[in-house]
């Protein structure tokens, strides 16, 4: 095991394990362990709440075969001036499929780091071994998060062989973050997810993390110059896989087909950059069908889903 300052180099090692698992068992890559999700969360939040993180890597020789990333409770100020307070700890984790027993060590470490608070984590529905280990460590299915109105997520995938042409309403046009600049890109995110804690400092953190590329950060510009939709594409050239994270539309420009058009535009760019498979995560509960149906409408199908678990403090 190895625990030290959490740097971009350490993050890259974690992403390296994800790349290995994605190449052979993408259904076992946890939703918070994908290449894009790791980059997005670390990049945007390291400067503001990184002090509340704990991480550890497990090695076999020089090769990372497992890792854990604990998010302790924290508070941040959002764009509406209100405070967002998270009181539960959360564990993101990944192990190599050949080393499932490492999950026991990761859970023991998690208990040591966050015993004083309620602890959440998740595993893929197909990962029966991990689900059994969670139960053995005192974790139980989180019926609130995992129910029909809960915030559990599913992983969706599609190939990039046949992509319909993206069509925008008259006067709208596609742009990239390289073209519009950071101020406009940040505003696009904040408008899509208001209220948001995303800032220009957050975006600067994202821009320096592998594998961010400004030409794969795509947007839709409205006739008045407003950035009406936004999506970041994370390209794993080695695995020829690309991932959308995040995807959002300005609250005043929804239900105009902008999201579907942007996804198709982004997939074309990802394919041109070398990807032959596309991934995206979304809420899977029936109460949040809109996002899921958007991805289905452009050719994605469900690959697997998360099963959230919780353990009381102490």
Protein backbone atom coordinates (compact mmCIF):
# COMPACT_ATOMS: atom_id res chain seq x y z
CA UNK A 1 0.00 0.00 0.00
CA UNK A 2 1.02 3.56 -0.58
CA UNK A 3 -0.48 6.76 0.84
CA UNK A 4 1.01 10.16 0.11
CA UNK A 5 0.10 13.61 -1.17
CA UNK A 6 -2.65 13.29 -3.75
CA UNK A 7 -1.09 14.73 -6.91
CA UNK A 8 -2.05 14.56 -10.60
CA UNK A 9 0.62 11.88 -10.95
CA UNK A 10 -1.21 9.74 -8.39
CA UNK A 11 -4.48 10.38 -10.18
CA UNK A 12 -2.89 9.23 -13.43
CA UNK A 13 -1.92 5.93 -11.79
CA UNK A 14 -5.54 5.46 -10.73
CA UNK A 15 -6.73 6.22 -14.25
CA UNK A 16 -4.21 3.69 -15.55
CA UNK A 17 -5.93 0.93 -13.59
CA UNK A 18 -9.28 2.11 -14.95
CA UNK A 19 -7.89 1.86 -18.48
CA UNK A 20 -6.87 -1.75 -17.84
CA UNK A 21 -10.28 -2.71 -16.47
CA UNK A 22 -12.16 -0.82 -19.21
CA UNK A 23 -10.26 -2.75 -21.87
CA UNK A 24 -11.44 -6.15 -20.60
CA UNK A 25 -14.37 -5.70 -18.18
CA UNK A 26 -15.96 -2.25 -18.66
CA UNK A 27 -18.98 -3.47 -16.69
CA UNK A 28 -16.73 -3.66 -13.61
CA UNK A 29 -15.51 -0.06 -13.79
CA UNK A 30 -17.27 1.80 -11.00
CA UNK A 31 -19.21 4.92 -11.93
CA UNK A 32 -16.91 7.18 -9.92
CA UNK A 33 -13.78 5.41 -11.24
CA UNK A 34 -13.99 6.09 -14.99
CA UNK A 35 -11.14 8.01 -16.62
CA UNK A 36 -13.34 11.05 -17.20
CA UNK A 37 -15.06 11.05 -13.83
CA UNK A 38 -11.73 10.87 -12.00
CA UNK A 39 -10.31 13.72 -14.06
CA UNK A 40 -13.43 15.88 -13.72
CA UNK A 41 -13.83 15.51 -9.95
CA UNK A 42 -10.14 15.89 -9.13
CA UNK A 43 -9.68 18.83 -11.49
CA UNK A 44 -12.63 20.92 -10.40
CA UNK A 45 -12.56 20.19 -6.65
CA UNK A 46 -8.94 19.67 -5.67
CA UNK A 47 -8.34 23.34 -4.95
CA UNK A 48 -11.49 23.83 -2.88
CA UNK A 49 -12.09 20.60 -0.94
CA UNK A 50 -8.99 18.51 -1.61
CA UNK A 51 -7.97 18.86 2.02
CA UNK A 52 -10.91 16.61 2.96
CA UNK A 53 -9.81 13.78 0.65
CA UNK A 54 -7.88 10.68 1.56
CA UNK A 55 -6.46 8.29 -1.01
CA UNK A 56 -4.40 5.11 -1.09
CA UNK A 57 -2.91 2.95 -3.82
CA UNK A 58 -2.28 -0.81 -3.71
CA UNK A 59 0.64 -2.08 -5.80
CA UNK A 60 1.85 -5.37 -7.19
CA UNK A 61 5.46 -4.50 -7.89
CA UNK A 62 5.28 -1.24 -9.84
CA UNK A 63 1.73 -1.85 -11.04
CA UNK A 64 -1.36 -0.36 -9.37
CA UNK A 65 -3.89 -3.14 -8.79
CA UNK A 66 -6.28 -1.27 -6.51
CA UNK A 67 -7.04 2.16 -5.09
CA UNK A 68 -9.41 3.94 -2.75
CA UNK A 69 -10.44 7.59 -2.60
CA UNK A 70 -12.34 8.77 0.47
CA UNK A 71 -14.39 11.98 0.42
CA UNK A 72 -14.89 13.16 3.99
CA UNK A 73 -17.74 15.57 4.85
CA UNK A 74 -17.30 19.10 3.50
CA UNK A 75 -19.01 22.43 2.83
CA UNK A 76 -18.84 24.66 -0.25
CA UNK A 77 -20.50 27.91 -1.29
CA UNK A 78 -22.67 27.72 -4.41
CA UNK A 79 -23.43 30.36 -7.02
CA UNK A 80 -26.71 31.29 -5.27
CA UNK A 81 -24.73 32.26 -2.18
CA UNK A 82 -25.99 29.30 -0.16
CA UNK A 83 -23.83 26.71 1.50
CA UNK A 84 -23.89 23.10 0.33
CA UNK A 85 -23.05 20.78 3.20
CA UNK A 86 -22.23 17.09 2.72
CA UNK A 87 -22.35 15.17 6.01
CA UNK A 88 -21.72 11.61 4.77
CA UNK A 89 -18.37 10.18 3.72
CA UNK A 90 -18.10 8.48 0.35
CA UNK A 91 -15.64 5.95 -1.04
CA UNK A 92 -14.65 5.73 -4.70
CA UNK A 93 -12.64 2.60 -5.43
CA UNK A 94 -11.37 0.21 -8.07
CA UNK A 95 -9.57 -3.11 -8.03
CA UNK A 96 -8.18 -5.20 -10.83
CA UNK A 97 -10.58 -8.06 -11.70
CA UNK A 98 -7.81 -10.55 -10.86
CA UNK A 99 -7.42 -9.10 -7.34
CA UNK A 100 -10.97 -8.94 -5.89
CA UNK A 101 -9.73 -9.60 -2.35
CA UNK A 102 -8.11 -6.17 -2.21
CA UNK A 103 -11.58 -4.71 -1.75
CA UNK A 104 -11.56 -6.08 1.80
CA UNK A 105 -8.41 -4.09 2.56
CA UNK A 106 -9.88 -0.97 0.98
CA UNK A 107 -13.03 -1.26 3.10
CA UNK A 108 -10.97 -1.77 6.28
CA UNK A 109 -8.99 1.35 5.42
CA UNK A 110 -12.22 3.26 4.71
CA UNK A 111 -13.57 2.33 8.14
CA UNK A 112 -10.37 3.62 9.75
CA UNK A 113 -10.51 6.92 7.86
CA UNK A 114 -14.20 7.71 8.34
CA UNK A 115 -15.47 5.72 11.32
CA UNK A 116 -16.95 8.85 12.91
CA UNK A 117 -19.53 9.45 10.15
CA UNK A 118 -22.00 7.57 8.02
CA UNK A 119 -20.18 5.91 5.13
CA UNK A 120 -21.44 5.45 1.57
CA UNK A 121 -20.00 3.56 -1.37
CA UNK A 122 -21.22 1.58 -4.35
CA UNK A 123 -20.49 -1.41 -6.56
CA UNK A 124 -21.68 -2.48 -9.97
CA UNK A 125 -24.76 -4.71 -10.02
CA UNK A 126 -22.85 -7.40 -11.93
CA UNK A 127 -20.04 -7.47 -9.35
CA UNK A 128 -21.48 -10.12 -7.03
CA UNK A 129 -18.11 -10.63 -5.34
CA UNK A 130 -17.89 -6.97 -4.31
CA UNK A 131 -21.52 -6.91 -3.18
CA UNK A 132 -20.80 -9.90 -0.92
CA UNK A 133 -17.74 -8.22 0.55
CA UNK A 134 -19.75 -5.06 1.28
CA UNK A 135 -22.30 -7.10 3.22
CA UNK A 136 -19.55 -8.87 5.15
CA UNK A 137 -18.14 -5.48 6.18
CA UNK A 138 -21.46 -4.24 7.55
CA UNK A 139 -22.68 -2.26 4.55
CA UNK A 140 -26.33 -2.54 3.51
CA UNK A 141 -28.22 -1.57 0.38
CA UNK A 142 -29.16 2.12 0.54
CA UNK A 143 -32.88 1.94 -0.25
CA UNK A 144 -33.24 5.74 -0.37
CA UNK A 145 -30.45 6.35 -2.88
CA UNK A 146 -31.04 3.07 -4.73
CA UNK A 147 -34.82 3.34 -5.06
CA UNK A 148 -37.13 4.53 -7.82
CA UNK A 149 -36.59 8.15 -6.79
CA UNK A 150 -32.95 7.77 -5.76
CA UNK A 151 -29.77 9.14 -7.27
CA UNK A 152 -28.18 5.87 -8.36
CA UNK A 153 -26.50 5.89 -11.74
CA UNK A 154 -26.07 3.63 -14.72
CA UNK A 155 -23.30 3.36 -17.30
CA UNK A 156 -24.33 3.57 -20.94
CA UNK A 157 -22.28 2.71 -24.02
CA UNK A 158 -22.44 2.69 -27.81
CA UNK A 159 -20.10 2.20 -30.73
CA UNK A 160 -19.19 5.06 -33.03
CA UNK A 161 -19.69 3.33 -36.37
CA UNK A 162 -22.92 5.05 -37.42
CA UNK A 163 -23.69 8.52 -36.07
CA UNK A 164 -26.62 10.60 -37.31
CA UNK A 165 -25.85 14.12 -38.47
CA UNK A 166 -26.29 16.69 -35.69
CA UNK A 167 -28.96 19.27 -36.46
CA UNK A 168 -29.40 22.54 -34.58
CA UNK A 169 -32.23 25.08 -34.71
CA UNK A 170 -31.69 28.02 -37.05
CA UNK A 171 -29.17 30.53 -35.66
CA UNK A 172 -27.48 28.11 -33.24
CA UNK A 173 -23.96 26.81 -33.87
CA UNK A 174 -21.44 24.38 -32.43
CA UNK A 175 -18.36 25.70 -30.66
CA UNK A 176 -15.45 24.37 -28.59
CA UNK A 177 -13.89 25.65 -25.38
CA UNK A 178 -10.74 26.48 -27.35
CA UNK A 179 -12.85 28.83 -29.45
CA UNK A 180 -15.00 30.49 -26.77
CA UNK A 181 -12.44 30.71 -23.94
CA UNK A 182 -12.60 29.81 -20.24
CA UNK A 183 -14.98 32.56 -19.07
CA UNK A 184 -17.71 31.48 -21.48
CA UNK A 185 -17.07 27.79 -20.79
CA UNK A 186 -17.44 28.31 -17.03
CA UNK A 187 -20.63 30.34 -17.47
CA UNK A 188 -22.07 27.58 -19.66
CA UNK A 189 -21.56 25.07 -16.85
CA UNK A 190 -22.94 27.35 -14.16
CA UNK A 191 -26.03 28.12 -16.26
CA UNK A 192 -26.68 24.43 -16.89
CA UNK A 193 -26.27 23.37 -13.24
CA UNK A 194 -27.46 26.42 -11.30
CA UNK A 195 -26.78 26.72 -8.43
CA UNK A 196 -23.20 25.55 -8.89
CA UNK A 197 -19.90 25.76 -7.04
CA UNK A 198 -17.97 25.64 -10.34
CA UNK A 199 -15.63 28.63 -10.80
CA UNK A 200 -12.89 29.80 -13.15
CA UNK A 201 -10.41 28.39 -10.64
CA UNK A 202 -12.25 25.06 -10.82
CA UNK A 203 -12.01 25.09 -14.60
CA UNK A 204 -8.32 25.89 -14.51
CA UNK A 205 -7.88 22.76 -12.42
CA UNK A 206 -9.79 20.73 -15.00
CA UNK A 207 -7.83 22.08 -17.95
CA UNK A 208 -4.47 20.85 -16.65
CA UNK A 209 -5.64 17.28 -15.91
CA UNK A 210 -5.11 14.43 -18.36
CA UNK A 211 -6.87 13.82 -20.72
CA UNK A 212 -8.67 17.19 -20.98
CA UNK A 213 -8.62 18.75 -24.45
CA UNK A 214 -10.22 22.06 -25.28
CA UNK A 215 -11.10 20.88 -28.78
CA UNK A 216 -13.13 18.04 -27.21
CA UNK A 217 -14.99 20.36 -24.85
CA UNK A 218 -18.00 21.11 -27.00
CA UNK A 219 -20.76 23.69 -26.70
CA UNK A 220 -23.82 25.07 -28.47
CA UNK A 221 -23.98 28.84 -28.92
CA UNK A 222 -27.39 30.51 -29.15
CA UNK A 223 -28.09 33.34 -31.63
CA UNK A 224 -27.58 35.93 -28.87
CA UNK A 225 -24.16 34.51 -27.94
CA UNK A 226 -25.29 32.56 -24.88
CA UNK A 227 -23.64 29.18 -24.44
CA UNK A 228 -26.81 27.10 -24.39
CA UNK A 229 -25.35 23.60 -23.91
CA UNK A 230 -22.03 22.10 -22.89
CA UNK A 231 -20.27 18.73 -22.71
CA UNK A 232 -16.71 17.61 -22.03
CA UNK A 233 -15.32 14.57 -23.85
CA UNK A 234 -12.51 12.62 -22.21
CA UNK A 235 -10.53 10.56 -24.71
CA UNK A 236 -8.56 7.47 -23.74
CA UNK A 237 -6.47 7.06 -26.87
CA UNK A 238 -4.95 3.80 -25.65
CA UNK A 239 -8.34 2.14 -25.21
CA UNK A 240 -9.96 4.01 -28.12
CA UNK A 241 -12.73 4.97 -25.70
CA UNK A 242 -14.26 8.40 -25.10
CA UNK A 243 -16.58 9.53 -22.33
CA UNK A 244 -19.01 12.41 -21.87
CA UNK A 245 -18.75 14.04 -18.42
CA UNK A 246 -20.51 16.34 -17.71
CA UNK A 247 -23.34 17.10 -20.16
CA UNK A 248 -25.79 19.93 -19.54
CA UNK A 249 -28.15 22.43 -21.15
CA UNK A 250 -28.90 26.00 -20.04
CA UNK A 251 -32.17 25.97 -18.11
CA UNK A 252 -33.75 28.47 -20.54
CA UNK A 253 -32.85 26.44 -23.66
CA UNK A 254 -34.10 22.97 -22.79
CA UNK A 255 -36.48 20.85 -24.91
CA UNK A 256 -35.19 22.31 -28.16
CA UNK A 257 -33.08 19.33 -29.22
CA UNK A 258 -29.79 20.98 -28.28
CA UNK A 259 -28.63 18.14 -26.03
CA UNK A 260 -29.11 15.45 -28.65
CA UNK A 261 -27.45 17.55 -31.32
CA UNK A 262 -24.48 18.31 -29.08
CA UNK A 263 -24.05 14.62 -28.21
CA UNK A 264 -24.00 13.68 -31.90
CA UNK A 265 -21.55 16.48 -32.65
CA UNK A 266 -19.35 15.35 -29.77
CA UNK A 267 -19.41 11.72 -30.88
CA UNK A 268 -18.30 12.73 -34.37
CA UNK A 269 -15.39 14.66 -32.89
CA UNK A 270 -14.50 11.77 -30.60
CA UNK A 271 -14.49 9.37 -33.54
CA UNK A 272 -12.32 11.75 -35.58
CA UNK A 273 -9.92 11.85 -32.61
CA UNK A 274 -9.57 8.06 -32.64
CA UNK A 275 -12.34 6.66 -30.42
CA UNK A 276 -14.48 3.72 -31.49
CA UNK A 277 -16.58 3.48 -28.31
CA UNK A 278 -18.44 6.11 -26.29
CA UNK A 279 -19.46 5.98 -22.62
CA UNK A 280 -21.74 8.18 -20.55
CA UNK A 281 -23.15 7.89 -17.04
CA UNK A 282 -26.58 9.15 -16.06
CA UNK A 283 -29.16 8.85 -13.29
CA UNK A 284 -30.94 5.55 -13.72
CA UNK A 285 -33.98 5.82 -11.43
CA UNK A 286 -37.43 5.98 -13.06
CA UNK A 287 -38.01 9.38 -11.47
CA UNK A 288 -35.21 10.83 -13.58
CA UNK A 289 -36.05 9.34 -16.96
CA UNK A 290 -35.35 12.47 -19.04
CA UNK A 291 -31.55 12.21 -19.07
CA UNK A 292 -31.62 8.47 -19.64
CA UNK A 293 -34.04 8.85 -22.56
CA UNK A 294 -31.84 11.56 -24.07
CA UNK A 295 -28.91 9.15 -24.25
CA UNK A 296 -31.09 6.33 -25.53
CA UNK A 297 -32.32 8.65 -28.30
CA UNK A 298 -28.79 9.01 -29.68
CA UNK A 299 -27.96 5.32 -29.59
CA UNK A 300 -26.69 4.55 -26.08
CA UNK A 301 -27.82 1.43 -24.24
CA UNK A 302 -27.36 0.47 -20.60
CA UNK A 303 -24.19 -1.48 -19.85
CA UNK A 304 -24.51 -1.78 -16.07
CA UNK A 305 -25.78 0.07 -13.01
CA UNK A 306 -24.63 0.95 -9.52
CA UNK A 307 -25.94 -0.56 -6.30
CA UNK A 308 -25.46 2.07 -3.55
CA UNK A 309 -24.60 0.95 -0.02
CA UNK A 310 -24.46 2.69 3.32
CA UNK A 311 -22.95 1.94 6.76
CA UNK A 312 -23.74 3.82 9.98
CA UNK A 313 -21.15 5.77 11.90
CA UNK A 314 -19.11 3.94 14.51
